[in-house]
Amino acid sequence: MMNGRFCTPGGGWLHRLDTRVKVFVSVALIVLCAWWSNWVFLAAVLIIEHILFATDRTPAKSVASVWGVFAPVCVLVAVIMLLCLGGDGDTVLWQAGPWRVSARSLASCGIVVLKIIDIVFAVMLTVLTTSRRDWIRALSAWHVPYPSASRFVDRLNWLPRWRQALREARLRQEIRGMRATPVSRMWTWSIAHDLMRRHSDNIVVAERLRGVYLDRGSAKRTLMQPAHMRPVDWVVCIVAVLLTAGIVAMIVLGW
């Protein structure tokens, strides 16, 4: 029941890529997109991100779900910016009473929207293609204690688990023949909250049965399949570092 997660099952190259490399690529894209306001660069990043998803064969439904959530947010941000910026600039494209839309304000809105959606998909490059097992292996390689790594992954997948709990609660109510009323909706949230709590309790019980919280003294925890970098992981990492250094040089030189 409580199998809600961001990661989509698959065996594409992004799914097989080392999690540490994917995290580096995501962080580099986030920093570069937040730093550089070149619309050509931002548009290119958005296209490349979708090409990466396509070559990995990430389900189009998952990518479309991201668009479905953040497209309204981008539209709202653009409208608020247009209302706040007003007629900033000389070239007025459209005017309705005191409200004017200039070329400069429209360009500023477009750049901000591109930055938001680029950063979102930069995060999703890692989140949509990394399983719980791979997250824990990568965090363990960074010397993060297993309990902390497990809690981090659970917090990361809180939203999809909450949506799954809501679906389960609605299904239970439909089976019982309950009508959709304000009271039933409040009861749905209560059932979903209880399901989330039970899920968390079950995880703690399972971890205790496996000795996660035992005092091992100075002995270090070992994993059956620890994270290791393959040659292809090193190649992708080196290419990402070189591209990042090149883009930083372009920004510094003012290209």
C-alpha atoms as a PDB file:
ATOM      1  CA  MET A   1       0.000   0.000   0.000  1.00  0.00           C
ATOM      2  CA  MET A   2       2.531   2.583   1.184  1.00  0.00           C
ATOM      3  CA  ASN A   3       4.850   2.260  -1.810  1.00  0.00           C
ATOM      4  CA  GLY A   4       4.639   5.919  -2.860  1.00  0.00           C
ATOM      5  CA  ARG A   5       7.972   7.196  -4.109  1.00  0.00           C
ATOM      6  CA  PHE A   6       9.419   9.644  -6.597  1.00  0.00           C
ATOM      7  CA  CYS A   7      11.720   7.117  -8.227  1.00  0.00           C
ATOM      8  CA  THR A   8      10.310   5.438 -11.325  1.00  0.00           C
ATOM      9  CA  PRO A   9      11.350   1.830 -11.965  1.00  0.00           C
ATOM     10  CA  GLY A  10      13.654   1.441 -14.912  1.00  0.00           C
ATOM     11  CA  GLY A  11      17.027   0.275 -16.143  1.00  0.00           C
ATOM     12  CA  GLY A  12      18.149   3.264 -18.192  1.00  0.00           C
ATOM     13  CA  TRP A  13      21.603   4.768 -18.030  1.00  0.00           C
ATOM     14  CA  LEU A  14      20.521   7.455 -15.567  1.00  0.00           C
ATOM     15  CA  HIS A  15      19.086   4.797 -13.254  1.00  0.00           C
ATOM     16  CA  ARG A  16      22.395   2.897 -13.407  1.00  0.00           C
ATOM     17  CA  LEU A  17      24.581   5.984 -13.005  1.00  0.00           C
ATOM     18  CA  ASP A  18      26.235   6.378  -9.606  1.00  0.00           C
ATOM     19  CA  THR A  19      24.064   8.482  -7.300  1.00  0.00           C
ATOM     20  CA  ARG A  20      26.989  10.681  -6.268  1.00  0.00           C
ATOM     21  CA  VAL A  21      27.584  11.669  -9.886  1.00  0.00           C
ATOM     22  CA  LYS A  22      23.886  12.459 -10.366  1.00  0.00           C
ATOM     23  CA  VAL A  23      23.882  14.601  -7.223  1.00  0.00           C
ATOM     24  CA  PHE A  24      26.906  16.519  -8.495  1.00  0.00           C
ATOM     25  CA  VAL A  25      25.262  17.108 -11.883  1.00  0.00           C
ATOM     26  CA  SER A  26      22.038  18.284 -10.223  1.00  0.00           C
ATOM     27  CA  VAL A  27      23.852  20.645  -7.848  1.00  0.00           C
ATOM     28  CA  ALA A  28      25.984  22.046 -10.680  1.00  0.00           C
ATOM     29  CA  LEU A  29      22.895  22.708 -12.810  1.00  0.00           C
ATOM     30  CA  ILE A  30      21.084  24.361  -9.891  1.00  0.00           C
ATOM     31  CA  VAL A  31      24.012  26.699  -9.167  1.00  0.00           C
ATOM     32  CA  LEU A  32      24.613  27.582 -12.827  1.00  0.00           C
ATOM     33  CA  CYS A  33      20.932  28.197 -13.588  1.00  0.00           C
ATOM     34  CA  ALA A  34      20.529  30.359 -10.484  1.00  0.00           C
ATOM     35  CA  TRP A  35      23.708  32.289 -11.335  1.00  0.00           C
ATOM     36  CA  TRP A  36      23.496  32.905 -15.094  1.00  0.00           C
ATOM     37  CA  SER A  37      20.501  34.727 -16.582  1.00  0.00           C
ATOM     38  CA  ASN A  38      21.304  33.986 -20.214  1.00  0.00           C
ATOM     39  CA  TRP A  39      18.032  32.835 -21.765  1.00  0.00           C
ATOM     40  CA  VAL A  40      19.808  30.806 -24.468  1.00  0.00           C
ATOM     41  CA  PHE A  41      21.695  28.853 -21.797  1.00  0.00           C
ATOM     42  CA  LEU A  42      18.546  28.347 -19.708  1.00  0.00           C
ATOM     43  CA  ALA A  43      16.533  27.143 -22.707  1.00  0.00           C
ATOM     44  CA  ALA A  44      19.361  24.799 -23.729  1.00  0.00           C
ATOM     45  CA  VAL A  45      19.517  23.329 -20.216  1.00  0.00           C
ATOM     46  CA  LEU A  46      15.767  22.638 -20.272  1.00  0.00           C
ATOM     47  CA  ILE A  47      16.050  20.873 -23.638  1.00  0.00           C
ATOM     48  CA  ILE A  48      19.072  18.835 -22.505  1.00  0.00           C
ATOM     49  CA  GLU A  49      17.292  17.757 -19.313  1.00  0.00           C
ATOM     50  CA  HIS A  50      14.390  16.379 -21.332  1.00  0.00           C
ATOM     51  CA  ILE A  51      16.801  14.663 -23.727  1.00  0.00           C
ATOM     52  CA  LEU A  52      18.447  12.975 -20.732  1.00  0.00           C
ATOM     53  CA  PHE A  53      15.057  11.751 -19.516  1.00  0.00           C
ATOM     54  CA  ALA A  54      14.180  10.507 -23.009  1.00  0.00           C
ATOM     55  CA  THR A  55      17.454   8.614 -23.494  1.00  0.00           C
ATOM     56  CA  ASP A  56      17.037   7.076 -20.028  1.00  0.00           C
ATOM     57  CA  ARG A  57      13.494   6.014 -20.998  1.00  0.00           C
ATOM     58  CA  THR A  58      12.066   7.646 -17.909  1.00  0.00           C
ATOM     59  CA  PRO A  59       8.261   7.282 -18.164  1.00  0.00           C
ATOM     60  CA  ALA A  60       6.759  10.303 -19.896  1.00  0.00           C
ATOM     61  CA  LYS A  61       3.954  10.219 -17.324  1.00  0.00           C
ATOM     62  CA  SER A  62       6.429  11.070 -14.553  1.00  0.00           C
ATOM     63  CA  VAL A  63       7.903  13.995 -16.496  1.00  0.00           C
ATOM     64  CA  ALA A  64       4.402  15.203 -17.375  1.00  0.00           C
ATOM     65  CA  SER A  65       3.430  15.027 -13.687  1.00  0.00           C
ATOM     66  CA  VAL A  66       6.288  17.403 -12.846  1.00  0.00           C
ATOM     67  CA  TRP A  67       5.050  19.790 -15.511  1.00  0.00           C
ATOM     68  CA  GLY A  68       1.499  19.458 -14.212  1.00  0.00           C
ATOM     69  CA  VAL A  69       2.577  20.521 -10.725  1.00  0.00           C
ATOM     70  CA  PHE A  70       5.019  23.312 -11.552  1.00  0.00           C
ATOM     71  CA  ALA A  71       3.527  24.808 -14.737  1.00  0.00           C
ATOM     72  CA  PRO A  72       0.734  26.553 -12.740  1.00  0.00           C
ATOM     73  CA  VAL A  73       3.378  27.764 -10.267  1.00  0.00           C
ATOM     74  CA  CYS A  74       5.418  29.274 -13.119  1.00  0.00           C
ATOM     75  CA  VAL A  75       2.324  30.946 -14.581  1.00  0.00           C
ATOM     76  CA  LEU A  76       1.450  32.405 -11.186  1.00  0.00           C
ATOM     77  CA  VAL A  77       5.005  33.717 -10.722  1.00  0.00           C
ATOM     78  CA  ALA A  78       4.957  35.269 -14.214  1.00  0.00           C
ATOM     79  CA  VAL A  79       1.621  37.009 -13.602  1.00  0.00           C
ATOM     80  CA  ILE A  80       2.755  38.388 -10.230  1.00  0.00           C
ATOM     81  CA  MET A  81       6.009  39.640 -11.759  1.00  0.00           C
ATOM     82  CA  LEU A  82       4.179  41.330 -14.638  1.00  0.00           C
ATOM     83  CA  LEU A  83       1.840  43.032 -12.179  1.00  0.00           C
ATOM     84  CA  CYS A  84       4.740  44.186  -9.999  1.00  0.00           C
ATOM     85  CA  LEU A  85       7.117  45.268 -12.766  1.00  0.00           C
ATOM     86  CA  GLY A  86       4.427  47.147 -14.651  1.00  0.00           C
ATOM     87  CA  GLY A  87       5.716  49.089 -17.634  1.00  0.00           C
ATOM     88  CA  ASP A  88       9.413  48.781 -16.836  1.00  0.00           C
ATOM     89  CA  GLY A  89      11.181  49.579 -20.090  1.00  0.00           C
ATOM     90  CA  ASP A  90      10.601  51.730 -23.159  1.00  0.00           C
ATOM     91  CA  THR A  91       8.961  49.257 -25.541  1.00  0.00           C
ATOM     92  CA  VAL A  92       5.340  48.689 -24.441  1.00  0.00           C
ATOM     93  CA  LEU A  93       3.878  45.532 -25.950  1.00  0.00           C
ATOM     94  CA  TRP A  94       0.427  45.685 -24.400  1.00  0.00           C
ATOM     95  CA  GLN A  95      -1.505  48.099 -22.209  1.00  0.00           C
ATOM     96  CA  ALA A  96      -4.814  47.879 -20.360  1.00  0.00           C
ATOM     97  CA  GLY A  97      -5.529  50.990 -18.361  1.00  0.00           C
ATOM     98  CA  PRO A  98      -2.680  51.637 -15.933  1.00  0.00           C
ATOM     99  CA  TRP A  99      -1.207  48.166 -16.451  1.00  0.00           C
ATOM    100  CA  ARG A 100       1.472  47.956 -19.127  1.00  0.00           C
ATOM    101  CA  VAL A 101       3.543  45.012 -20.320  1.00  0.00           C
ATOM    102  CA  SER A 102       6.906  45.997 -21.733  1.00  0.00           C
ATOM    103  CA  ALA A 103       9.466  43.929 -23.590  1.00  0.00           C
ATOM    104  CA  ARG A 104      11.911  44.197 -20.696  1.00  0.00           C
ATOM    105  CA  SER A 105       9.420  43.015 -18.059  1.00  0.00           C
ATOM    106  CA  LEU A 106       8.277  40.146 -20.302  1.00  0.00           C
ATOM    107  CA  ALA A 107      11.886  39.056 -20.852  1.00  0.00           C
ATOM    108  CA  SER A 108      12.569  39.199 -17.098  1.00  0.00           C
ATOM    109  CA  CYS A 109       9.510  37.021 -16.420  1.00  0.00           C
ATOM    110  CA  GLY A 110      10.597  34.513 -19.051  1.00  0.00           C
ATOM    111  CA  ILE A 111      14.074  34.222 -17.564  1.00  0.00           C
ATOM    112  CA  VAL A 112      12.727  33.713 -14.035  1.00  0.00           C
ATOM    113  CA  VAL A 113      10.271  31.053 -15.229  1.00  0.00           C
ATOM    114  CA  LEU A 114      13.049  29.261 -17.141  1.00  0.00           C
ATOM    115  CA  LYS A 115      15.233  29.333 -14.034  1.00  0.00           C
ATOM    116  CA  ILE A 116      12.474  27.829 -11.877  1.00  0.00           C
ATOM    117  CA  ILE A 117      11.644  24.990 -14.253  1.00  0.00           C
ATOM    118  CA  ASP A 118      15.345  24.290 -14.993  1.00  0.00           C
ATOM    119  CA  ILE A 119      16.113  23.980 -11.280  1.00  0.00           C
ATOM    120  CA  VAL A 120      13.070  21.758 -10.725  1.00  0.00           C
ATOM    121  CA  PHE A 121      14.098  19.332 -13.467  1.00  0.00           C
ATOM    122  CA  ALA A 122      17.732  19.455 -12.305  1.00  0.00           C
ATOM    123  CA  VAL A 123      16.520  18.115  -8.973  1.00  0.00           C
ATOM    124  CA  MET A 124      14.274  15.569 -10.686  1.00  0.00           C
ATOM    125  CA  LEU A 125      17.214  14.214 -12.701  1.00  0.00           C
ATOM    126  CA  THR A 126      18.387  12.626  -9.462  1.00  0.00           C
ATOM    127  CA  VAL A 127      15.111  12.145  -7.607  1.00  0.00           C
ATOM    128  CA  LEU A 128      13.205  10.389 -10.415  1.00  0.00           C
ATOM    129  CA  THR A 129      16.047   7.988 -11.231  1.00  0.00           C
ATOM    130  CA  THR A 130      17.413   7.033  -7.786  1.00  0.00           C
ATOM    131  CA  SER A 131      15.924   4.229  -5.720  1.00  0.00           C
ATOM    132  CA  ARG A 132      15.933   4.003  -1.942  1.00  0.00           C
ATOM    133  CA  ARG A 133      18.704   1.408  -2.075  1.00  0.00           C
ATOM    134  CA  ASP A 134      20.917   3.619  -4.251  1.00  0.00           C
ATOM    135  CA  TRP A 135      20.333   6.635  -1.996  1.00  0.00           C
ATOM    136  CA  ILE A 136      21.403   4.685   1.076  1.00  0.00           C
ATOM    137  CA  ARG A 137      24.445   3.255  -0.699  1.00  0.00           C
ATOM    138  CA  ALA A 138      25.556   6.732  -1.778  1.00  0.00           C
ATOM    139  CA  LEU A 139      24.950   8.301   1.625  1.00  0.00           C
ATOM    140  CA  SER A 140      26.801   5.443   3.299  1.00  0.00           C
ATOM    141  CA  ALA A 141      29.736   6.086   0.957  1.00  0.00           C
ATOM    142  CA  TRP A 142      29.696   9.667   2.295  1.00  0.00           C
ATOM    143  CA  HIS A 143      29.886   8.198   5.819  1.00  0.00           C
ATOM    144  CA  VAL A 144      26.310   9.116   6.718  1.00  0.00           C
ATOM    145  CA  PRO A 145      24.981   6.745   9.436  1.00  0.00           C
ATOM    146  CA  TYR A 146      22.395   4.300   8.164  1.00  0.00           C
ATOM    147  CA  PRO A 147      19.543   5.561  10.423  1.00  0.00           C
ATOM    148  CA  SER A 148      20.104   9.123   9.209  1.00  0.00           C
ATOM    149  CA  ALA A 149      20.265   7.995   5.589  1.00  0.00           C
ATOM    150  CA  SER A 150      17.058   6.010   5.986  1.00  0.00           C
ATOM    151  CA  ARG A 151      15.241   8.972   7.540  1.00  0.00           C
ATOM    152  CA  PHE A 152      16.496  11.274   4.774  1.00  0.00           C
ATOM    153  CA  VAL A 153      15.080   8.991   2.071  1.00  0.00           C
ATOM    154  CA  ASP A 154      11.774   8.725   3.927  1.00  0.00           C
ATOM    155  CA  ARG A 155      11.531  12.528   4.209  1.00  0.00           C
ATOM    156  CA  LEU A 156      12.435  12.851   0.533  1.00  0.00           C
ATOM    157  CA  ASN A 157       9.537  10.588  -0.446  1.00  0.00           C
ATOM    158  CA  TRP A 158       7.049  12.100   2.012  1.00  0.00           C
ATOM    159  CA  LEU A 159       4.902  13.794  -0.649  1.00  0.00           C
ATOM    160  CA  PRO A 160       4.315  10.732  -2.882  1.00  0.00           C
ATOM    161  CA  ARG A 161       3.673   8.589   0.211  1.00  0.00           C
ATOM    162  CA  TRP A 162       1.129  11.154   1.427  1.00  0.00           C
ATOM    163  CA  ARG A 163      -0.637  11.101  -1.949  1.00  0.00           C
ATOM    164  CA  GLN A 164      -0.658   7.304  -1.851  1.00  0.00           C
ATOM    165  CA  ALA A 165      -2.123   7.389   1.663  1.00  0.00           C
ATOM    166  CA  LEU A 166      -4.876   9.760   0.502  1.00  0.00           C
ATOM    167  CA  ARG A 167      -5.739   7.400  -2.364  1.00  0.00           C
ATOM    168  CA  GLU A 168      -5.901   4.475   0.055  1.00  0.00           C
ATOM    169  CA  ALA A 169      -8.110   6.451   2.451  1.00  0.00           C
ATOM    170  CA  ARG A 170     -10.511   7.458  -0.343  1.00  0.00           C
ATOM    171  CA  LEU A 171     -10.670   3.857  -1.567  1.00  0.00           C
ATOM    172  CA  ARG A 172     -11.582   2.664   1.924  1.00  0.00           C
ATOM    173  CA  GLN A 173     -14.359   5.242   2.137  1.00  0.00           C
ATOM    174  CA  GLU A 174     -15.708   4.308  -1.296  1.00  0.00           C
ATOM    175  CA  ILE A 175     -15.798   0.641  -0.321  1.00  0.00           C
ATOM    176  CA  ARG A 176     -17.823   1.590   2.749  1.00  0.00           C
ATOM    177  CA  GLY A 177     -20.214   3.635   0.597  1.00  0.00           C
ATOM    178  CA  MET A 178     -19.424   7.021   2.134  1.00  0.00           C
ATOM    179  CA  ARG A 179     -20.438  10.092   0.153  1.00  0.00           C
ATOM    180  CA  ALA A 180     -18.063  12.916  -0.682  1.00  0.00           C
ATOM    181  CA  THR A 181     -18.900  15.592   1.899  1.00  0.00           C
ATOM    182  CA  PRO A 182     -16.774  18.147   3.783  1.00  0.00           C
ATOM    183  CA  VAL A 183     -16.895  15.868   6.834  1.00  0.00           C
ATOM    184  CA  SER A 184     -15.831  12.813   4.813  1.00  0.00           C
ATOM    185  CA  ARG A 185     -12.923  14.780   3.325  1.00  0.00           C
ATOM    186  CA  MET A 186     -11.717  15.715   6.802  1.00  0.00           C
ATOM    187  CA  TRP A 187     -12.046  12.059   7.778  1.00  0.00           C
ATOM    188  CA  THR A 188      -9.998  11.125   4.697  1.00  0.00           C
ATOM    189  CA  TRP A 189      -7.128  13.308   5.888  1.00  0.00           C
ATOM    190  CA  SER A 190      -7.367  11.727   9.348  1.00  0.00           C
ATOM    191  CA  ILE A 191      -7.196   8.198   7.872  1.00  0.00           C
ATOM    192  CA  ALA A 192      -4.257   9.189   5.660  1.00  0.00           C
ATOM    193  CA  HIS A 193      -2.407  10.646   8.655  1.00  0.00           C
ATOM    194  CA  ASP A 194      -2.962   7.400  10.568  1.00  0.00           C
ATOM    195  CA  LEU A 195      -1.685   5.359   7.608  1.00  0.00           C
ATOM    196  CA  MET A 196       1.458   7.504   7.430  1.00  0.00           C
ATOM    197  CA  ARG A 197       2.062   7.047  11.155  1.00  0.00           C
ATOM    198  CA  ARG A 198       1.643   3.272  10.883  1.00  0.00           C
ATOM    199  CA  HIS A 199       4.032   3.204   7.932  1.00  0.00           C
ATOM    200  CA  SER A 200       6.681   5.076   9.929  1.00  0.00           C
ATOM    201  CA  ASP A 201       6.188   2.750  12.901  1.00  0.00           C
ATOM    202  CA  ASN A 202       6.542  -0.310  10.653  1.00  0.00           C
ATOM    203  CA  ILE A 203       9.814   1.048   9.244  1.00  0.00           C
ATOM    204  CA  VAL A 204      11.233   1.568  12.760  1.00  0.00           C
ATOM    205  CA  VAL A 205      10.163  -1.949  13.805  1.00  0.00           C
ATOM    206  CA  ALA A 206      11.740  -3.485  10.693  1.00  0.00           C
ATOM    207  CA  GLU A 207      14.978  -1.573  11.283  1.00  0.00           C
ATOM    208  CA  ARG A 208      15.130  -2.656  14.921  1.00  0.00           C
ATOM    209  CA  LEU A 209      14.585  -6.291  13.901  1.00  0.00           C
ATOM    210  CA  ARG A 210      17.579  -5.933  11.579  1.00  0.00           C
ATOM    211  CA  GLY A 211      19.751  -4.461  14.320  1.00  0.00           C
ATOM    212  CA  VAL A 212      19.975  -0.933  12.930  1.00  0.00           C
ATOM    213  CA  TYR A 213      19.949   0.711  16.344  1.00  0.00           C
ATOM    214  CA  LEU A 214      22.239  -1.767  18.115  1.00  0.00           C
ATOM    215  CA  ASP A 215      25.323  -0.342  19.829  1.00  0.00           C
ATOM    216  CA  ARG A 216      28.181  -1.838  17.790  1.00  0.00           C
ATOM    217  CA  GLY A 217      30.926   0.016  19.623  1.00  0.00           C
ATOM    218  CA  SER A 218      33.765   0.868  17.265  1.00  0.00           C
ATOM    219  CA  ALA A 219      32.626  -1.597  14.588  1.00  0.00           C
ATOM    220  CA  LYS A 220      31.494   0.069  11.369  1.00  0.00           C
ATOM    221  CA  ARG A 221      28.363  -0.907   9.506  1.00  0.00           C
ATOM    222  CA  THR A 222      28.956  -2.689   6.217  1.00  0.00           C
ATOM    223  CA  LEU A 223      26.710  -3.002   3.182  1.00  0.00           C
ATOM    224  CA  MET A 224      26.245  -6.100   1.046  1.00  0.00           C
ATOM    225  CA  GLN A 225      26.666  -4.007  -2.124  1.00  0.00           C
ATOM    226  CA  PRO A 226      28.562  -0.786  -1.311  1.00  0.00           C
ATOM    227  CA  ALA A 227      28.596   2.045  -3.826  1.00  0.00           C
ATOM    228  CA  HIS A 228      31.472   2.032  -6.287  1.00  0.00           C
ATOM    229  CA  MET A 229      32.336   4.141  -9.302  1.00  0.00           C
ATOM    230  CA  ARG A 230      32.354   2.354 -12.655  1.00  0.00           C
ATOM    231  CA  PRO A 231      34.461   3.652 -15.581  1.00  0.00           C
ATOM    232  CA  VAL A 232      31.352   5.159 -17.187  1.00  0.00           C
ATOM    233  CA  ASP A 233      30.574   6.975 -13.918  1.00  0.00           C
ATOM    234  CA  TRP A 234      34.048   8.511 -13.926  1.00  0.00           C
ATOM    235  CA  VAL A 235      33.658   9.558 -17.568  1.00  0.00           C
ATOM    236  CA  VAL A 236      30.312  11.268 -16.887  1.00  0.00           C
ATOM    237  CA  CYS A 237      31.748  12.944 -13.785  1.00  0.00           C
ATOM    238  CA  ILE A 238      34.809  14.275 -15.663  1.00  0.00           C
ATOM    239  CA  VAL A 239      32.650  15.550 -18.539  1.00  0.00           C
ATOM    240  CA  ALA A 240      30.313  17.268 -16.052  1.00  0.00           C
ATOM    241  CA  VAL A 241      33.260  18.921 -14.279  1.00  0.00           C
ATOM    242  CA  LEU A 242      34.752  20.158 -17.562  1.00  0.00           C
ATOM    243  CA  LEU A 243      31.427  21.523 -18.800  1.00  0.00           C
ATOM    244  CA  THR A 244      30.793  23.226 -15.465  1.00  0.00           C
ATOM    245  CA  ALA A 245      34.264  24.812 -15.505  1.00  0.00           C
ATOM    246  CA  GLY A 246      33.735  25.991 -19.087  1.00  0.00           C
ATOM    247  CA  ILE A 247      30.362  27.582 -18.295  1.00  0.00           C
ATOM    248  CA  VAL A 248      31.784  29.263 -15.185  1.00  0.00           C
ATOM    249  CA  ALA A 249      34.585  30.697 -17.324  1.00  0.00           C
ATOM    250  CA  MET A 250      32.016  32.032 -19.804  1.00  0.00           C
ATOM    251  CA  ILE A 251      30.057  33.676 -16.976  1.00  0.00           C
ATOM    252  CA  VAL A 252      33.164  35.255 -15.450  1.00  0.00           C
ATOM    253  CA  LEU A 253      34.369  36.541 -18.835  1.00  0.00           C
ATOM    254  CA  GLY A 254      30.928  38.018 -19.508  1.00  0.00           C
ATOM    255  CA  TRP A 255      30.057  36.048 -22.628  1.00  0.00           C
END
